[in-house]
Amino acid sequence: MEKVLVSACLLGAPVRYDGTSKAVQHPLLSRWQQEGRLIALCPEQAGGLSTPRAPAERQGERVITVQGQDVTAAFLRGAQHALSTCLRHNISFAILKENSPSCGVTQAYDGSFQGQLVTGEGVTTALLRQHGIAVFSEQQLERLEQRLKKILSR
């Protein structure tokens, strides 16, 4: 069975910076979870950041908190942990939380802490893609389902 890495917050774990989740209620996600296909991970926690924690946004190659603290190293550690998890479980696909500085798939906040989104990807998404792992957001579950069906039909 093809395993899929998933942001833990999407499965209801209260791991976001503010101690909440972003649980997604979707039949595909529910089915994959019941099948045992999903491996949940919060890259920010895996990188050593606590919950709750200060909001952070990407500013170029750096990740900076709203107070100005550079937390890039923790984000890179979390991304590396996500990659190691994928390699250990032979994972080729990930579902990550859109807009996040670690997990954003097509966009992330611009670093101004004004709620402005820009085209871009999170630290974890970038590292996984560099290693050939296809990354989807919680809004792209049907696209992932199509990819999984192609694998099963081989």
N, C-alpha and C. Protein backbone atom coordinates (compact mmCIF):
# COMPACT_ATOMS: atom_id res chain seq x y z
N MET A 1 0.83 -1.18 0.00
CA MET A 1 0.00 0.00 0.00
C MET A 1 0.88 1.24 0.00
N GLU A 2 0.55 2.18 -0.86
CA GLU A 2 1.28 3.44 -0.96
C GLU A 2 0.95 4.32 0.25
N LYS A 3 1.95 4.62 1.06
CA LYS A 3 1.77 5.48 2.23
C LYS A 3 1.84 6.95 1.80
N VAL A 4 1.20 7.82 2.59
CA VAL A 4 1.17 9.25 2.31
C VAL A 4 1.49 10.01 3.60
N LEU A 5 2.46 10.90 3.54
CA LEU A 5 2.75 11.79 4.66
C LEU A 5 1.67 12.86 4.70
N VAL A 6 1.20 13.22 5.89
CA VAL A 6 0.16 14.25 6.01
C VAL A 6 0.47 15.16 7.19
N SER A 7 0.21 16.45 7.00
CA SER A 7 0.34 17.40 8.12
C SER A 7 -0.60 16.97 9.23
N ALA A 8 -0.06 16.81 10.43
CA ALA A 8 -0.86 16.32 11.56
C ALA A 8 -2.05 17.22 11.86
N CYS A 9 -1.92 18.52 11.64
CA CYS A 9 -3.04 19.44 11.93
C CYS A 9 -4.25 19.15 11.06
N LEU A 10 -4.02 18.60 9.87
CA LEU A 10 -5.13 18.28 8.96
C LEU A 10 -5.95 17.10 9.45
N LEU A 11 -5.36 16.29 10.33
CA LEU A 11 -6.07 15.15 10.91
C LEU A 11 -6.65 15.48 12.28
N GLY A 12 -6.57 16.73 12.68
CA GLY A 12 -7.18 17.15 13.93
C GLY A 12 -6.25 17.30 15.11
N ALA A 13 -4.96 17.05 14.93
CA ALA A 13 -4.01 17.21 16.04
C ALA A 13 -3.82 18.71 16.33
N PRO A 14 -3.89 19.12 17.58
CA PRO A 14 -3.76 20.54 17.93
C PRO A 14 -2.30 20.98 17.98
N VAL A 15 -1.65 21.01 16.83
CA VAL A 15 -0.21 21.26 16.75
C VAL A 15 0.15 22.58 16.07
N ARG A 16 -0.85 23.33 15.62
CA ARG A 16 -0.55 24.61 14.96
C ARG A 16 0.06 25.60 15.95
N TYR A 17 0.59 26.67 15.43
CA TYR A 17 1.29 27.65 16.27
C TYR A 17 0.42 28.13 17.43
N ASP A 18 -0.89 28.21 17.21
CA ASP A 18 -1.80 28.71 18.25
C ASP A 18 -2.46 27.60 19.07
N GLY A 19 -1.98 26.38 18.90
CA GLY A 19 -2.49 25.25 19.66
C GLY A 19 -3.79 24.67 19.13
N THR A 20 -4.16 25.04 17.91
CA THR A 20 -5.38 24.50 17.30
C THR A 20 -5.01 23.52 16.20
N SER A 21 -6.04 22.96 15.57
CA SER A 21 -5.84 22.11 14.39
C SER A 21 -6.53 22.78 13.21
N LYS A 22 -6.39 22.19 12.07
CA LYS A 22 -7.12 22.59 10.86
C LYS A 22 -7.71 21.32 10.25
N ALA A 23 -8.43 20.57 11.08
CA ALA A 23 -8.97 19.28 10.66
C ALA A 23 -9.79 19.40 9.38
N VAL A 24 -9.52 18.51 8.45
CA VAL A 24 -10.23 18.47 7.18
C VAL A 24 -11.18 17.28 7.20
N GLN A 25 -12.44 17.57 6.96
CA GLN A 25 -13.46 16.52 6.87
C GLN A 25 -13.67 16.24 5.39
N HIS A 26 -13.07 15.18 4.89
CA HIS A 26 -13.18 14.84 3.46
C HIS A 26 -13.21 13.32 3.36
N PRO A 27 -14.10 12.79 2.53
CA PRO A 27 -14.20 11.32 2.44
C PRO A 27 -12.90 10.63 2.03
N LEU A 28 -12.11 11.25 1.16
CA LEU A 28 -10.85 10.62 0.75
C LEU A 28 -9.88 10.54 1.92
N LEU A 29 -9.75 11.62 2.66
CA LEU A 29 -8.85 11.64 3.81
C LEU A 29 -9.31 10.62 4.86
N SER A 30 -10.61 10.56 5.08
CA SER A 30 -11.16 9.59 6.04
C SER A 30 -10.87 8.16 5.59
N ARG A 31 -11.07 7.90 4.31
CA ARG A 31 -10.81 6.55 3.79
C ARG A 31 -9.34 6.18 3.91
N TRP A 32 -8.46 7.10 3.52
CA TRP A 32 -7.02 6.82 3.60
C TRP A 32 -6.58 6.59 5.03
N GLN A 33 -7.19 7.32 5.96
CA GLN A 33 -6.85 7.14 7.37
C GLN A 33 -7.32 5.76 7.84
N GLN A 34 -8.51 5.36 7.46
CA GLN A 34 -9.04 4.04 7.84
C GLN A 34 -8.20 2.92 7.23
N GLU A 35 -7.67 3.14 6.04
CA GLU A 35 -6.84 2.13 5.38
C GLU A 35 -5.45 2.03 6.00
N GLY A 36 -5.09 2.97 6.86
CA GLY A 36 -3.75 2.99 7.44
C GLY A 36 -2.71 3.53 6.49
N ARG A 37 -3.14 4.30 5.51
CA ARG A 37 -2.26 4.83 4.47
C ARG A 37 -1.50 6.07 4.95
N LEU A 38 -2.05 6.81 5.92
CA LEU A 38 -1.51 8.11 6.30
C LEU A 38 -0.51 8.02 7.44
N ILE A 39 0.56 8.79 7.31
CA ILE A 39 1.55 8.95 8.38
C ILE A 39 1.57 10.44 8.72
N ALA A 40 1.11 10.76 9.92
CA ALA A 40 0.96 12.16 10.34
C ALA A 40 2.25 12.70 10.94
N LEU A 41 2.52 13.96 10.64
CA LEU A 41 3.72 14.62 11.15
C LEU A 41 3.49 16.13 11.13
N CYS A 42 3.93 16.81 12.16
CA CYS A 42 4.00 18.27 12.16
C CYS A 42 5.48 18.63 12.06
N PRO A 43 5.93 19.14 10.91
CA PRO A 43 7.35 19.46 10.76
C PRO A 43 7.84 20.49 11.78
N GLU A 44 7.00 21.43 12.15
CA GLU A 44 7.44 22.47 13.09
C GLU A 44 7.70 21.87 14.47
N GLN A 45 6.82 20.98 14.92
CA GLN A 45 7.07 20.29 16.19
C GLN A 45 8.27 19.36 16.06
N ALA A 46 8.36 18.65 14.93
CA ALA A 46 9.48 17.73 14.72
C ALA A 46 10.81 18.47 14.73
N GLY A 47 10.78 19.75 14.35
CA GLY A 47 11.99 20.57 14.36
C GLY A 47 12.33 21.14 15.72
N GLY A 48 11.49 20.86 16.72
CA GLY A 48 11.78 21.29 18.08
C GLY A 48 10.99 22.49 18.58
N LEU A 49 10.07 23.00 17.77
CA LEU A 49 9.27 24.14 18.22
C LEU A 49 8.12 23.67 19.10
N SER A 50 7.79 24.48 20.08
CA SER A 50 6.72 24.12 21.02
C SER A 50 5.36 24.52 20.46
N THR A 51 4.33 24.03 21.11
CA THR A 51 2.96 24.45 20.82
C THR A 51 2.34 24.85 22.14
N PRO A 52 1.80 26.06 22.24
CA PRO A 52 1.78 27.09 21.19
C PRO A 52 3.16 27.71 20.99
N ARG A 53 3.28 28.46 19.89
CA ARG A 53 4.53 29.14 19.56
C ARG A 53 4.19 30.44 18.84
N ALA A 54 5.14 31.30 18.72
CA ALA A 54 4.92 32.58 18.04
C ALA A 54 4.64 32.34 16.56
N PRO A 55 3.73 33.11 15.97
CA PRO A 55 3.52 33.01 14.53
C PRO A 55 4.82 33.31 13.79
N ALA A 56 5.04 32.58 12.70
CA ALA A 56 6.26 32.78 11.90
C ALA A 56 5.87 32.82 10.42
N GLU A 57 6.65 33.55 9.65
CA GLU A 57 6.43 33.64 8.21
C GLU A 57 7.78 33.61 7.50
N ARG A 58 7.73 33.17 6.24
CA ARG A 58 8.95 33.17 5.43
C ARG A 58 9.29 34.58 5.00
N GLN A 59 10.56 34.90 5.11
CA GLN A 59 11.09 36.15 4.58
C GLN A 59 12.30 35.76 3.74
N GLY A 60 12.05 35.52 2.46
CA GLY A 60 13.09 34.98 1.59
C GLY A 60 13.40 33.56 2.01
N GLU A 61 14.67 33.29 2.26
CA GLU A 61 15.09 31.94 2.67
C GLU A 61 14.99 31.74 4.18
N ARG A 62 14.67 32.77 4.92
CA ARG A 62 14.60 32.70 6.38
C ARG A 62 13.15 32.53 6.83
N VAL A 63 12.98 32.04 8.05
CA VAL A 63 11.67 32.00 8.70
C VAL A 63 11.82 32.80 9.99
N ILE A 64 10.98 33.82 10.13
CA ILE A 64 11.11 34.78 11.23
C ILE A 64 9.78 34.85 11.98
N THR A 65 9.85 34.91 13.32
CA THR A 65 8.62 35.05 14.10
C THR A 65 8.16 36.50 14.09
N VAL A 66 6.95 36.70 14.54
CA VAL A 66 6.38 38.05 14.60
C VAL A 66 7.21 38.95 15.53
N GLN A 67 7.95 38.34 16.48
CA GLN A 67 8.83 39.13 17.36
C GLN A 67 10.22 39.35 16.77
N GLY A 68 10.47 38.81 15.57
CA GLY A 68 11.76 39.00 14.92
C GLY A 68 12.79 37.91 15.17
N GLN A 69 12.41 36.84 15.85
CA GLN A 69 13.35 35.74 16.10
C GLN A 69 13.49 34.87 14.85
N ASP A 70 14.71 34.55 14.49
CA ASP A 70 14.99 33.68 13.35
C ASP A 70 14.84 32.22 13.79
N VAL A 71 13.85 31.53 13.24
CA VAL A 71 13.59 30.13 13.58
C VAL A 71 13.85 29.21 12.38
N THR A 72 14.65 29.70 11.45
CA THR A 72 14.94 28.93 10.24
C THR A 72 15.52 27.56 10.56
N ALA A 73 16.44 27.49 11.50
CA ALA A 73 17.09 26.21 11.82
C ALA A 73 16.07 25.16 12.27
N ALA A 74 15.11 25.56 13.09
CA ALA A 74 14.08 24.61 13.54
C ALA A 74 13.21 24.16 12.37
N PHE A 75 12.89 25.07 11.46
CA PHE A 75 12.09 24.71 10.29
C PHE A 75 12.86 23.76 9.38
N LEU A 76 14.16 23.99 9.23
CA LEU A 76 14.98 23.08 8.41
C LEU A 76 15.10 21.71 9.06
N ARG A 77 15.24 21.66 10.39
CA ARG A 77 15.28 20.36 11.10
C ARG A 77 13.97 19.61 10.90
N GLY A 78 12.86 20.32 11.00
CA GLY A 78 11.56 19.69 10.80
C GLY A 78 11.38 19.17 9.38
N ALA A 79 11.85 19.94 8.41
CA ALA A 79 11.78 19.50 7.02
C ALA A 79 12.63 18.25 6.81
N GLN A 80 13.81 18.24 7.40
CA GLN A 80 14.68 17.07 7.29
C GLN A 80 14.04 15.85 7.94
N HIS A 81 13.37 16.05 9.06
CA HIS A 81 12.67 14.95 9.74
C HIS A 81 11.55 14.41 8.84
N ALA A 82 10.82 15.31 8.19
CA ALA A 82 9.76 14.89 7.26
C ALA A 82 10.36 14.08 6.11
N LEU A 83 11.47 14.55 5.56
CA LEU A 83 12.12 13.82 4.48
C LEU A 83 12.59 12.45 4.96
N SER A 84 13.20 12.38 6.13
CA SER A 84 13.66 11.09 6.67
C SER A 84 12.49 10.13 6.85
N THR A 85 11.36 10.65 7.32
CA THR A 85 10.16 9.83 7.48
C THR A 85 9.71 9.28 6.13
N CYS A 86 9.72 10.13 5.12
CA CYS A 86 9.33 9.69 3.77
C CYS A 86 10.27 8.61 3.25
N LEU A 87 11.56 8.81 3.43
CA LEU A 87 12.53 7.83 2.94
C LEU A 87 12.41 6.51 3.69
N ARG A 88 12.21 6.58 5.00
CA ARG A 88 12.08 5.38 5.83
C ARG A 88 10.85 4.54 5.44
N HIS A 89 9.76 5.21 5.07
CA HIS A 89 8.51 4.52 4.74
C HIS A 89 8.27 4.42 3.23
N ASN A 90 9.27 4.78 2.43
CA ASN A 90 9.16 4.74 0.98
C ASN A 90 7.95 5.54 0.49
N ILE A 91 7.79 6.75 1.02
CA ILE A 91 6.65 7.61 0.70
C ILE A 91 6.99 8.49 -0.50
N SER A 92 6.07 8.52 -1.46
CA SER A 92 6.24 9.34 -2.66
C SER A 92 5.29 10.53 -2.71
N PHE A 93 4.33 10.59 -1.77
CA PHE A 93 3.30 11.63 -1.78
C PHE A 93 3.12 12.22 -0.39
N ALA A 94 2.79 13.52 -0.37
CA ALA A 94 2.51 14.20 0.89
C ALA A 94 1.32 15.13 0.72
N ILE A 95 0.54 15.26 1.79
CA ILE A 95 -0.55 16.24 1.87
C ILE A 95 -0.15 17.21 2.97
N LEU A 96 0.13 18.45 2.58
CA LEU A 96 0.61 19.44 3.55
C LEU A 96 -0.32 20.65 3.58
N LYS A 97 -0.28 21.37 4.70
CA LYS A 97 -1.19 22.49 4.96
C LYS A 97 -0.81 23.73 4.16
N GLU A 98 -1.71 24.12 3.27
CA GLU A 98 -1.50 25.31 2.45
C GLU A 98 -1.31 26.55 3.34
N ASN A 99 -0.51 27.47 2.87
CA ASN A 99 -0.23 28.78 3.47
C ASN A 99 0.77 28.75 4.62
N SER A 100 1.15 27.59 5.10
CA SER A 100 2.06 27.47 6.23
C SER A 100 3.50 27.77 5.81
N PRO A 101 4.31 28.37 6.71
CA PRO A 101 5.71 28.61 6.37
C PRO A 101 6.52 27.32 6.22
N SER A 102 6.04 26.23 6.77
CA SER A 102 6.72 24.95 6.58
C SER A 102 6.04 24.12 5.50
N CYS A 103 4.72 24.16 5.44
CA CYS A 103 3.98 23.22 4.60
C CYS A 103 3.26 23.82 3.41
N GLY A 104 3.29 25.13 3.22
CA GLY A 104 2.59 25.74 2.10
C GLY A 104 2.96 25.06 0.79
N VAL A 105 1.96 24.77 -0.03
CA VAL A 105 2.18 24.02 -1.27
C VAL A 105 2.29 24.96 -2.47
N THR A 106 1.39 25.93 -2.58
CA THR A 106 1.43 26.88 -3.70
C THR A 106 1.55 28.32 -3.23
N GLN A 107 1.29 28.55 -1.94
CA GLN A 107 1.39 29.91 -1.43
C GLN A 107 1.72 29.91 0.06
N ALA A 108 2.25 31.05 0.49
CA ALA A 108 2.61 31.23 1.90
C ALA A 108 2.47 32.71 2.21
N TYR A 109 2.43 33.02 3.49
CA TYR A 109 2.36 34.42 3.89
C TYR A 109 3.68 35.11 3.57
N ASP A 110 3.60 36.40 3.25
CA ASP A 110 4.73 37.12 2.66
C ASP A 110 5.80 37.62 3.64
N GLY A 111 5.63 37.39 4.93
CA GLY A 111 6.63 37.82 5.89
C GLY A 111 6.34 39.16 6.53
N SER A 112 5.26 39.81 6.12
CA SER A 112 4.92 41.12 6.68
C SER A 112 4.00 41.02 7.90
N PHE A 113 3.46 39.83 8.14
CA PHE A 113 2.50 39.58 9.23
C PHE A 113 1.25 40.45 9.08
N GLN A 114 0.91 40.72 7.82
CA GLN A 114 -0.29 41.50 7.50
C GLN A 114 -1.36 40.64 6.82
N GLY A 115 -1.16 39.31 6.81
CA GLY A 115 -2.14 38.42 6.20
C GLY A 115 -2.07 38.36 4.68
N GLN A 116 -0.95 38.79 4.12
CA GLN A 116 -0.78 38.82 2.67
C GLN A 116 -0.15 37.52 2.17
N LEU A 117 -0.85 36.83 1.27
CA LEU A 117 -0.33 35.60 0.69
C LEU A 117 0.39 35.89 -0.62
N VAL A 118 1.46 35.14 -0.87
CA VAL A 118 2.20 35.24 -2.12
C VAL A 118 2.43 33.83 -2.66
N THR A 119 2.67 33.74 -3.94
CA THR A 119 3.01 32.45 -4.53
C THR A 119 4.34 31.99 -3.94
N GLY A 120 4.37 30.76 -3.51
CA GLY A 120 5.58 30.22 -2.92
C GLY A 120 5.27 28.95 -2.16
N GLU A 121 6.30 28.36 -1.60
CA GLU A 121 6.11 27.11 -0.87
C GLU A 121 6.83 27.16 0.46
N GLY A 122 6.40 26.29 1.36
CA GLY A 122 7.02 26.21 2.67
C GLY A 122 8.34 25.46 2.62
N VAL A 123 9.07 25.53 3.72
CA VAL A 123 10.39 24.92 3.83
C VAL A 123 10.31 23.40 3.63
N THR A 124 9.36 22.74 4.26
CA THR A 124 9.23 21.28 4.13
C THR A 124 8.81 20.91 2.72
N THR A 125 7.85 21.62 2.16
CA THR A 125 7.41 21.35 0.79
C THR A 125 8.59 21.42 -0.17
N ALA A 126 9.39 22.46 -0.05
CA ALA A 126 10.54 22.64 -0.95
C ALA A 126 11.50 21.46 -0.85
N LEU A 127 11.83 21.03 0.37
CA LEU A 127 12.78 19.93 0.54
C LEU A 127 12.21 18.62 0.00
N LEU A 128 10.95 18.35 0.28
CA LEU A 128 10.35 17.11 -0.23
C LEU A 128 10.34 17.10 -1.75
N ARG A 129 9.97 18.21 -2.36
CA ARG A 129 9.95 18.28 -3.83
C ARG A 129 11.35 18.12 -4.42
N GLN A 130 12.36 18.66 -3.75
CA GLN A 130 13.74 18.50 -4.23
C GLN A 130 14.14 17.03 -4.28
N HIS A 131 13.48 16.21 -3.48
CA HIS A 131 13.78 14.78 -3.43
C HIS A 131 12.73 13.94 -4.15
N GLY A 132 11.95 14.56 -5.02
CA GLY A 132 11.02 13.83 -5.88
C GLY A 132 9.71 13.43 -5.25
N ILE A 133 9.39 13.96 -4.09
CA ILE A 133 8.12 13.63 -3.44
C ILE A 133 7.07 14.63 -3.93
N ALA A 134 5.96 14.12 -4.43
CA ALA A 134 4.87 14.97 -4.92
C ALA A 134 4.08 15.48 -3.73
N VAL A 135 3.90 16.80 -3.66
CA VAL A 135 3.23 17.42 -2.52
C VAL A 135 1.91 18.04 -2.98
N PHE A 136 0.86 17.75 -2.23
CA PHE A 136 -0.48 18.26 -2.50
C PHE A 136 -0.97 19.01 -1.27
N SER A 137 -1.84 19.99 -1.47
CA SER A 137 -2.46 20.67 -0.34
C SER A 137 -3.75 19.95 0.02
N GLU A 138 -4.35 20.36 1.13
CA GLU A 138 -5.63 19.78 1.54
C GLU A 138 -6.74 20.11 0.55
N GLN A 139 -6.49 21.04 -0.36
CA GLN A 139 -7.47 21.41 -1.38
C GLN A 139 -7.28 20.61 -2.67
N GLN A 140 -6.30 19.72 -2.69
CA GLN A 140 -5.97 18.96 -3.90
C GLN A 140 -6.08 17.45 -3.71
N LEU A 141 -6.95 17.02 -2.83
CA LEU A 141 -7.05 15.59 -2.51
C LEU A 141 -7.49 14.76 -3.71
N GLU A 142 -8.37 15.31 -4.54
CA GLU A 142 -8.81 14.56 -5.72
C GLU A 142 -7.66 14.33 -6.69
N ARG A 143 -6.77 15.31 -6.81
CA ARG A 143 -5.59 15.13 -7.68
C ARG A 143 -4.70 14.02 -7.16
N LEU A 144 -4.52 13.97 -5.85
CA LEU A 144 -3.73 12.88 -5.27
C LEU A 144 -4.42 11.55 -5.51
N GLU A 145 -5.73 11.49 -5.36
CA GLU A 145 -6.47 10.25 -5.60
C GLU A 145 -6.22 9.75 -7.03
N GLN A 146 -6.21 10.65 -8.00
CA GLN A 146 -5.93 10.27 -9.39
C GLN A 146 -4.53 9.67 -9.52
N ARG A 147 -3.55 10.26 -8.86
CA ARG A 147 -2.18 9.73 -8.91
C ARG A 147 -2.11 8.35 -8.27
N LEU A 148 -2.79 8.17 -7.14
CA LEU A 148 -2.79 6.87 -6.47
C LEU A 148 -3.46 5.81 -7.33
N LYS A 149 -4.54 6.17 -8.01
CA LYS A 149 -5.23 5.21 -8.89
C LYS A 149 -4.32 4.78 -10.03
N LYS A 150 -3.52 5.71 -10.56
CA LYS A 150 -2.59 5.36 -11.64
C LYS A 150 -1.59 4.31 -11.17
N ILE A 151 -1.10 4.47 -9.95
CA ILE A 151 -0.15 3.50 -9.40
C ILE A 151 -0.80 2.14 -9.25
N LEU A 152 -2.03 2.11 -8.75
CA LEU A 152 -2.73 0.85 -8.54
C LEU A 152 -3.06 0.14 -9.84
N SER A 153 -3.22 0.92 -10.93
CA SER A 153 -3.60 0.31 -12.20
C SER A 153 -2.41 -0.24 -12.98
N ARG A 154 -1.21 -0.06 -12.46
CA ARG A 154 -0.01 -0.55 -13.16
C ARG A 154 0.12 -2.05 -13.05
